[in-house]
Amino acid sequence: MRILWITAAVLLVDQLTKITVLNTMYRGQSIPLIGDWLRLTFTENPGMAFGITFGPPGMVTIFSIAATLLIIYYLFRVRGVYLPYRASLALILGGALGNIIDRVFYGWMLGRAGLFQGHVVDFIHVNLWRGYIPESVPFLGGAYMALFPIWNVADMAIVAGVVGIIAFQRRFHDELAHPATFSAGTDEMPPAAPPAVDDRSAFGLNGEQEPERRGIGESENLRG
């Protein structure tokens, strides 16, 4: 599927930027780009989004792989349907694969852990807000964190893909319901064609109604 070129582009950019960070920065280093609002800060995330972890080492990686396989299967099932929706799925797939490579191989490549036990490389630091999360918030409650957390190109692609799915899901479901309509490039059902009228059965050649013409012919026969 040509839509997978989007996945490949996300994966390539994500891995190139991470390799650059690994070769040019040390963990904890922060380089300001736009004051304190935007920085390059090299960190490693052992868990999922916002650092959430669960289970023994490697469990997050296995869960991520299973979720990614489901995305691949779903993308295959909806092939040929509404393009922006599938492009959003391709963005999510590229981001998921990018972070899976970190978790599966980076720990082993860097000599810090075994396979499936690596950490995700994060470096894009957008510092819009910092504060304490109330205890009532599930999973994140009781933590002091920044908004946004430090993330990477893969994370950005995943967020963009989720936003795209939310924005395009209505059109996507409409196209599934009326595939013939949207394949013609229209957003609405075509108007029904008016019933055909047989001019010969309703009118004579000179435009007079047939019953009247027949009546005239019968009167002439009576006269003869």
C-alpha atoms as a PDB file:
ATOM      1  CA  MET A   1       0.000   0.000   0.000  1.00  0.00           C
ATOM      2  CA  ARG A   2       1.337   3.415  -0.986  1.00  0.00           C
ATOM      3  CA  ILE A   3       0.054   4.884   2.276  1.00  0.00           C
ATOM      4  CA  LEU A   4       2.905   3.077   4.038  1.00  0.00           C
ATOM      5  CA  TRP A   5       5.324   5.615   2.545  1.00  0.00           C
ATOM      6  CA  ILE A   6       4.080   7.941   5.291  1.00  0.00           C
ATOM      7  CA  THR A   7       4.961   5.288   7.873  1.00  0.00           C
ATOM      8  CA  ALA A   8       8.413   4.837   6.341  1.00  0.00           C
ATOM      9  CA  ALA A   9       9.068   8.608   6.306  1.00  0.00           C
ATOM     10  CA  VAL A  10       8.104   8.971   9.977  1.00  0.00           C
ATOM     11  CA  LEU A  11      10.262   5.992  10.919  1.00  0.00           C
ATOM     12  CA  LEU A  12      13.268   7.324   8.987  1.00  0.00           C
ATOM     13  CA  VAL A  13      13.120  10.848  10.423  1.00  0.00           C
ATOM     14  CA  ASP A  14      12.529   9.521  13.929  1.00  0.00           C
ATOM     15  CA  GLN A  15      15.499   7.181  13.906  1.00  0.00           C
ATOM     16  CA  LEU A  16      17.856   9.672  12.244  1.00  0.00           C
ATOM     17  CA  THR A  17      17.096  12.317  14.865  1.00  0.00           C
ATOM     18  CA  LYS A  18      17.502   9.824  17.717  1.00  0.00           C
ATOM     19  CA  ILE A  19      20.837   8.559  16.379  1.00  0.00           C
ATOM     20  CA  THR A  20      22.010  12.169  16.060  1.00  0.00           C
ATOM     21  CA  VAL A  21      21.064  12.874  19.676  1.00  0.00           C
ATOM     22  CA  LEU A  22      22.790   9.708  20.898  1.00  0.00           C
ATOM     23  CA  ASN A  23      26.009  10.652  19.060  1.00  0.00           C
ATOM     24  CA  THR A  24      26.115  14.381  19.880  1.00  0.00           C
ATOM     25  CA  MET A  25      24.526  14.808  23.339  1.00  0.00           C
ATOM     26  CA  TYR A  26      24.860  13.240  26.761  1.00  0.00           C
ATOM     27  CA  ARG A  27      21.957  12.268  28.992  1.00  0.00           C
ATOM     28  CA  GLY A  28      20.576  15.241  30.847  1.00  0.00           C
ATOM     29  CA  GLN A  29      22.097  17.797  28.476  1.00  0.00           C
ATOM     30  CA  SER A  30      19.754  20.620  27.510  1.00  0.00           C
ATOM     31  CA  ILE A  31      20.325  23.043  24.637  1.00  0.00           C
ATOM     32  CA  PRO A  32      18.052  26.121  24.410  1.00  0.00           C
ATOM     33  CA  LEU A  33      16.569  26.860  20.999  1.00  0.00           C
ATOM     34  CA  ILE A  34      13.902  29.474  21.806  1.00  0.00           C
ATOM     35  CA  GLY A  35      14.699  30.551  25.342  1.00  0.00           C
ATOM     36  CA  ASP A  36      13.146  28.196  27.885  1.00  0.00           C
ATOM     37  CA  TRP A  37      10.100  27.596  25.676  1.00  0.00           C
ATOM     38  CA  LEU A  38      11.783  25.157  23.304  1.00  0.00           C
ATOM     39  CA  ARG A  39      14.898  23.168  24.118  1.00  0.00           C
ATOM     40  CA  LEU A  40      16.716  20.008  23.100  1.00  0.00           C
ATOM     41  CA  THR A  41      16.886  17.939  26.282  1.00  0.00           C
ATOM     42  CA  PHE A  42      18.199  14.388  26.083  1.00  0.00           C
ATOM     43  CA  THR A  43      16.300  11.990  28.306  1.00  0.00           C
ATOM     44  CA  GLU A  44      15.347   8.320  28.148  1.00  0.00           C
ATOM     45  CA  ASN A  45      11.837   7.109  28.888  1.00  0.00           C
ATOM     46  CA  PRO A  46      11.591   3.568  30.298  1.00  0.00           C
ATOM     47  CA  GLY A  47       7.817   3.406  29.944  1.00  0.00           C
ATOM     48  CA  MET A  48       4.980   4.607  27.771  1.00  0.00           C
ATOM     49  CA  ALA A  49       3.605   8.131  27.413  1.00  0.00           C
ATOM     50  CA  PHE A  50       4.274  10.296  30.492  1.00  0.00           C
ATOM     51  CA  GLY A  51       6.656   7.586  31.760  1.00  0.00           C
ATOM     52  CA  ILE A  52       3.852   5.159  32.666  1.00  0.00           C
ATOM     53  CA  THR A  53       5.181   1.650  33.337  1.00  0.00           C
ATOM     54  CA  PHE A  54       3.604  -1.632  34.401  1.00  0.00           C
ATOM     55  CA  GLY A  55       4.619  -5.233  34.884  1.00  0.00           C
ATOM     56  CA  PRO A  56       8.104  -6.728  34.726  1.00  0.00           C
ATOM     57  CA  PRO A  57      10.883  -5.369  32.446  1.00  0.00           C
ATOM     58  CA  GLY A  58       9.972  -5.813  28.799  1.00  0.00           C
ATOM     59  CA  MET A  59       6.214  -5.887  29.410  1.00  0.00           C
ATOM     60  CA  VAL A  60       5.754  -2.389  27.963  1.00  0.00           C
ATOM     61  CA  THR A  61       7.639  -3.478  24.839  1.00  0.00           C
ATOM     62  CA  ILE A  62       5.485  -6.578  24.367  1.00  0.00           C
ATOM     63  CA  PHE A  63       2.317  -4.534  24.843  1.00  0.00           C
ATOM     64  CA  SER A  64       3.541  -1.976  22.284  1.00  0.00           C
ATOM     65  CA  ILE A  65       4.297  -4.687  19.719  1.00  0.00           C
ATOM     66  CA  ALA A  66       0.853  -6.248  20.170  1.00  0.00           C
ATOM     67  CA  ALA A  67      -0.846  -2.859  19.744  1.00  0.00           C
ATOM     68  CA  THR A  68       1.209  -2.138  16.632  1.00  0.00           C
ATOM     69  CA  LEU A  69       0.223  -5.459  15.051  1.00  0.00           C
ATOM     70  CA  LEU A  70      -3.424  -4.552  15.600  1.00  0.00           C
ATOM     71  CA  ILE A  71      -2.846  -1.208  13.849  1.00  0.00           C
ATOM     72  CA  ILE A  72      -1.260  -2.984  10.870  1.00  0.00           C
ATOM     73  CA  TYR A  73      -4.192  -5.397  10.655  1.00  0.00           C
ATOM     74  CA  TYR A  74      -6.739  -2.586  10.862  1.00  0.00           C
ATOM     75  CA  LEU A  75      -4.906  -0.516   8.253  1.00  0.00           C
ATOM     76  CA  PHE A  76      -5.015  -3.506   5.916  1.00  0.00           C
ATOM     77  CA  ARG A  77      -8.744  -3.965   6.508  1.00  0.00           C
ATOM     78  CA  VAL A  78      -9.602  -0.334   5.615  1.00  0.00           C
ATOM     79  CA  ARG A  79      -7.324  -0.120   2.581  1.00  0.00           C
ATOM     80  CA  GLY A  80      -8.827   1.829  -0.292  1.00  0.00           C
ATOM     81  CA  VAL A  81     -11.166   3.835   1.945  1.00  0.00           C
ATOM     82  CA  TYR A  82     -10.959   7.542   2.894  1.00  0.00           C
ATOM     83  CA  LEU A  83      -7.327   8.629   2.392  1.00  0.00           C
ATOM     84  CA  PRO A  84      -6.909  11.206   5.227  1.00  0.00           C
ATOM     85  CA  TYR A  85      -8.156   8.643   7.745  1.00  0.00           C
ATOM     86  CA  ARG A  86      -5.697   6.026   6.509  1.00  0.00           C
ATOM     87  CA  ALA A  87      -2.905   8.617   6.497  1.00  0.00           C
ATOM     88  CA  SER A  88      -3.622   9.269  10.177  1.00  0.00           C
ATOM     89  CA  LEU A  89      -3.305   5.546  10.871  1.00  0.00           C
ATOM     90  CA  ALA A  90      -0.028   5.487   8.925  1.00  0.00           C
ATOM     91  CA  LEU A  91       1.325   8.300  11.128  1.00  0.00           C
ATOM     92  CA  ILE A  92       0.444   6.356  14.271  1.00  0.00           C
ATOM     93  CA  LEU A  93       2.017   3.211  12.854  1.00  0.00           C
ATOM     94  CA  GLY A  94       5.261   5.024  12.009  1.00  0.00           C
ATOM     95  CA  GLY A  95       5.479   6.528  15.482  1.00  0.00           C
ATOM     96  CA  ALA A  96       4.747   3.204  17.175  1.00  0.00           C
ATOM     97  CA  LEU A  97       7.408   1.398  15.140  1.00  0.00           C
ATOM     98  CA  GLY A  98       9.945   4.127  15.895  1.00  0.00           C
ATOM     99  CA  ASN A  99       9.532   3.777  19.650  1.00  0.00           C
ATOM    100  CA  ILE A 100       9.448  -0.035  19.433  1.00  0.00           C
ATOM    101  CA  ILE A 101      12.903  -0.005  17.817  1.00  0.00           C
ATOM    102  CA  ASP A 102      14.170   1.965  20.821  1.00  0.00           C
ATOM    103  CA  ARG A 103      12.647  -0.452  23.313  1.00  0.00           C
ATOM    104  CA  VAL A 104      13.750  -3.624  21.513  1.00  0.00           C
ATOM    105  CA  PHE A 105      17.272  -2.739  20.356  1.00  0.00           C
ATOM    106  CA  TYR A 106      18.658   0.393  22.015  1.00  0.00           C
ATOM    107  CA  GLY A 107      19.317  -1.167  25.419  1.00  0.00           C
ATOM    108  CA  TRP A 108      21.273  -3.981  23.779  1.00  0.00           C
ATOM    109  CA  MET A 109      23.059  -1.713  21.263  1.00  0.00           C
ATOM    110  CA  LEU A 110      24.182   0.715  23.975  1.00  0.00           C
ATOM    111  CA  GLY A 111      25.210  -2.077  26.333  1.00  0.00           C
ATOM    112  CA  ARG A 112      22.804  -0.995  29.068  1.00  0.00           C
ATOM    113  CA  ALA A 113      20.235  -3.809  29.012  1.00  0.00           C
ATOM    114  CA  GLY A 114      19.100  -6.829  27.057  1.00  0.00           C
ATOM    115  CA  LEU A 115      16.768  -7.048  24.108  1.00  0.00           C
ATOM    116  CA  PHE A 116      13.232  -5.747  24.719  1.00  0.00           C
ATOM    117  CA  GLN A 117      14.465  -3.723  27.716  1.00  0.00           C
ATOM    118  CA  GLY A 118      15.656  -0.523  26.075  1.00  0.00           C
ATOM    119  CA  HIS A 119      14.452   3.018  26.777  1.00  0.00           C
ATOM    120  CA  VAL A 120      12.866   5.459  24.337  1.00  0.00           C
ATOM    121  CA  VAL A 121      15.085   8.415  23.395  1.00  0.00           C
ATOM    122  CA  ASP A 122      13.315  11.747  23.996  1.00  0.00           C
ATOM    123  CA  PHE A 123      14.758  15.167  23.222  1.00  0.00           C
ATOM    124  CA  ILE A 124      12.084  17.668  22.078  1.00  0.00           C
ATOM    125  CA  HIS A 125      11.388  19.792  25.157  1.00  0.00           C
ATOM    126  CA  VAL A 126       8.423  22.181  24.878  1.00  0.00           C
ATOM    127  CA  ASN A 127       8.245  23.932  28.247  1.00  0.00           C
ATOM    128  CA  LEU A 128       4.781  25.548  28.328  1.00  0.00           C
ATOM    129  CA  TRP A 129       3.763  24.704  31.897  1.00  0.00           C
ATOM    130  CA  ARG A 130       5.077  23.071  35.041  1.00  0.00           C
ATOM    131  CA  GLY A 131       3.096  22.087  38.070  1.00  0.00           C
ATOM    132  CA  TYR A 132       1.759  19.497  40.472  1.00  0.00           C
ATOM    133  CA  ILE A 133      -0.837  16.978  39.281  1.00  0.00           C
ATOM    134  CA  PRO A 134      -3.644  16.435  41.837  1.00  0.00           C
ATOM    135  CA  GLU A 135      -3.909  13.034  43.473  1.00  0.00           C
ATOM    136  CA  SER A 136      -7.375  12.550  41.948  1.00  0.00           C
ATOM    137  CA  VAL A 137      -5.973  12.289  38.403  1.00  0.00           C
ATOM    138  CA  PRO A 138      -5.593   8.595  37.406  1.00  0.00           C
ATOM    139  CA  PHE A 139      -2.051   7.307  36.749  1.00  0.00           C
ATOM    140  CA  LEU A 140      -0.452  10.788  36.883  1.00  0.00           C
ATOM    141  CA  GLY A 141      -1.768  12.048  40.212  1.00  0.00           C
ATOM    142  CA  GLY A 142       0.771  13.149  42.784  1.00  0.00           C
ATOM    143  CA  ALA A 143       3.523  13.861  40.254  1.00  0.00           C
ATOM    144  CA  TYR A 144       5.271  17.116  39.429  1.00  0.00           C
ATOM    145  CA  MET A 145       5.611  17.378  35.687  1.00  0.00           C
ATOM    146  CA  ALA A 146       5.883  19.730  32.749  1.00  0.00           C
ATOM    147  CA  LEU A 147       3.515  20.292  29.857  1.00  0.00           C
ATOM    148  CA  PHE A 148       4.438  19.087  27.400  1.00  0.00           C
ATOM    149  CA  PRO A 149       6.703  16.279  28.577  1.00  0.00           C
ATOM    150  CA  ILE A 150       9.897  15.746  26.647  1.00  0.00           C
ATOM    151  CA  TRP A 151       9.091  13.715  23.538  1.00  0.00           C
ATOM    152  CA  ASN A 152      10.382  12.784  20.066  1.00  0.00           C
ATOM    153  CA  VAL A 153       9.370  12.670  16.408  1.00  0.00           C
ATOM    154  CA  ALA A 154       7.575   9.334  16.873  1.00  0.00           C
ATOM    155  CA  ASP A 155       5.467  10.791  19.687  1.00  0.00           C
ATOM    156  CA  MET A 156       4.587  13.806  17.540  1.00  0.00           C
ATOM    157  CA  ALA A 157       3.464  11.527  14.710  1.00  0.00           C
ATOM    158  CA  ILE A 158       1.282   9.503  17.087  1.00  0.00           C
ATOM    159  CA  VAL A 159      -0.394  12.632  18.465  1.00  0.00           C
ATOM    160  CA  ALA A 160      -0.962  14.009  14.955  1.00  0.00           C
ATOM    161  CA  GLY A 161      -2.427  10.670  13.865  1.00  0.00           C
ATOM    162  CA  VAL A 162      -4.835  10.529  16.806  1.00  0.00           C
ATOM    163  CA  VAL A 163      -6.006  14.077  16.071  1.00  0.00           C
ATOM    164  CA  GLY A 164      -6.493  13.121  12.422  1.00  0.00           C
ATOM    165  CA  ILE A 165      -8.578  10.060  13.305  1.00  0.00           C
ATOM    166  CA  ILE A 166     -10.836  12.176  15.521  1.00  0.00           C
ATOM    167  CA  ALA A 167     -11.202  14.824  12.807  1.00  0.00           C
ATOM    168  CA  PHE A 168     -11.833  12.427   9.894  1.00  0.00           C
ATOM    169  CA  GLN A 169     -13.764   9.582  11.492  1.00  0.00           C
ATOM    170  CA  ARG A 170     -17.194  10.908  10.490  1.00  0.00           C
ATOM    171  CA  ARG A 171     -16.280  11.158   6.808  1.00  0.00           C
ATOM    172  CA  PHE A 172     -14.621   7.751   7.057  1.00  0.00           C
ATOM    173  CA  HIS A 173     -17.776   6.072   8.386  1.00  0.00           C
ATOM    174  CA  ASP A 174     -19.922   7.891   5.803  1.00  0.00           C
ATOM    175  CA  GLU A 175     -17.731   6.517   3.045  1.00  0.00           C
ATOM    176  CA  LEU A 176     -18.018   3.015   4.450  1.00  0.00           C
ATOM    177  CA  ALA A 177     -21.797   3.344   4.436  1.00  0.00           C
ATOM    178  CA  HIS A 178     -21.981   4.739   0.861  1.00  0.00           C
ATOM    179  CA  PRO A 179     -18.854   3.565  -1.017  1.00  0.00           C
ATOM    180  CA  ALA A 180     -20.315   4.131  -4.495  1.00  0.00           C
ATOM    181  CA  THR A 181     -21.213   7.730  -3.684  1.00  0.00           C
ATOM    182  CA  PHE A 182     -17.785   8.736  -2.413  1.00  0.00           C
ATOM    183  CA  SER A 183     -15.925   6.854  -5.137  1.00  0.00           C
ATOM    184  CA  ALA A 184     -17.483   9.325  -7.568  1.00  0.00           C
ATOM    185  CA  GLY A 185     -15.932  12.169  -5.594  1.00  0.00           C
ATOM    186  CA  THR A 186     -19.164  13.616  -4.177  1.00  0.00           C
ATOM    187  CA  ASP A 187     -20.120  14.223  -0.576  1.00  0.00           C
ATOM    188  CA  GLU A 188     -23.848  13.724  -1.044  1.00  0.00           C
ATOM    189  CA  MET A 189     -26.041  11.055  -2.520  1.00  0.00           C
ATOM    190  CA  PRO A 190     -26.855  11.782  -6.173  1.00  0.00           C
ATOM    191  CA  PRO A 191     -30.442  12.931  -6.829  1.00  0.00           C
ATOM    192  CA  ALA A 192     -32.845  10.314  -8.099  1.00  0.00           C
ATOM    193  CA  ALA A 193     -33.455  10.451 -11.840  1.00  0.00           C
ATOM    194  CA  PRO A 194     -37.015  11.486 -12.862  1.00  0.00           C
ATOM    195  CA  PRO A 195     -39.197   8.709 -14.308  1.00  0.00           C
ATOM    196  CA  ALA A 196     -38.889   8.323 -18.050  1.00  0.00           C
ATOM    197  CA  VAL A 197     -41.836   9.521 -20.155  1.00  0.00           C
ATOM    198  CA  ASP A 198     -42.781   7.766 -23.382  1.00  0.00           C
ATOM    199  CA  ASP A 199     -43.691  10.644 -25.672  1.00  0.00           C
ATOM    200  CA  ARG A 200     -45.213   8.380 -28.306  1.00  0.00           C
ATOM    201  CA  SER A 201     -47.637   6.776 -25.891  1.00  0.00           C
ATOM    202  CA  ALA A 202     -48.709  10.074 -24.317  1.00  0.00           C
ATOM    203  CA  PHE A 203     -48.695  12.423 -27.286  1.00  0.00           C
ATOM    204  CA  GLY A 204     -49.198  12.218 -31.016  1.00  0.00           C
ATOM    205  CA  LEU A 205     -46.677  13.379 -33.554  1.00  0.00           C
ATOM    206  CA  ASN A 206     -48.326  16.812 -33.866  1.00  0.00           C
ATOM    207  CA  GLY A 207     -48.368  17.332 -30.108  1.00  0.00           C
ATOM    208  CA  GLU A 208     -52.058  16.474 -29.656  1.00  0.00           C
ATOM    209  CA  GLN A 209     -53.017  13.853 -27.124  1.00  0.00           C
ATOM    210  CA  GLU A 210     -53.506  10.369 -28.546  1.00  0.00           C
ATOM    211  CA  PRO A 211     -57.048   9.874 -27.257  1.00  0.00           C
ATOM    212  CA  GLU A 212     -58.219  13.011 -29.067  1.00  0.00           C
ATOM    213  CA  ARG A 213     -56.595  11.900 -32.338  1.00  0.00           C
ATOM    214  CA  ARG A 214     -58.256   8.527 -32.087  1.00  0.00           C
ATOM    215  CA  GLY A 215     -61.619  10.189 -31.502  1.00  0.00           C
ATOM    216  CA  ILE A 216     -61.314  12.232 -34.686  1.00  0.00           C
ATOM    217  CA  GLY A 217     -60.513   9.165 -36.749  1.00  0.00           C
ATOM    218  CA  GLU A 218     -63.526   7.269 -35.434  1.00  0.00           C
ATOM    219  CA  SER A 219     -65.905  10.166 -36.269  1.00  0.00           C
ATOM    220  CA  GLU A 220     -64.617  10.242 -39.847  1.00  0.00           C
ATOM    221  CA  ASN A 221     -65.322   6.526 -40.237  1.00  0.00           C
ATOM    222  CA  LEU A 222     -68.865   7.038 -39.021  1.00  0.00           C
ATOM    223  CA  ARG A 223     -69.418   9.746 -41.623  1.00  0.00           C
ATOM    224  CA  GLY A 224     -68.132   7.486 -44.407  1.00  0.00           C
END
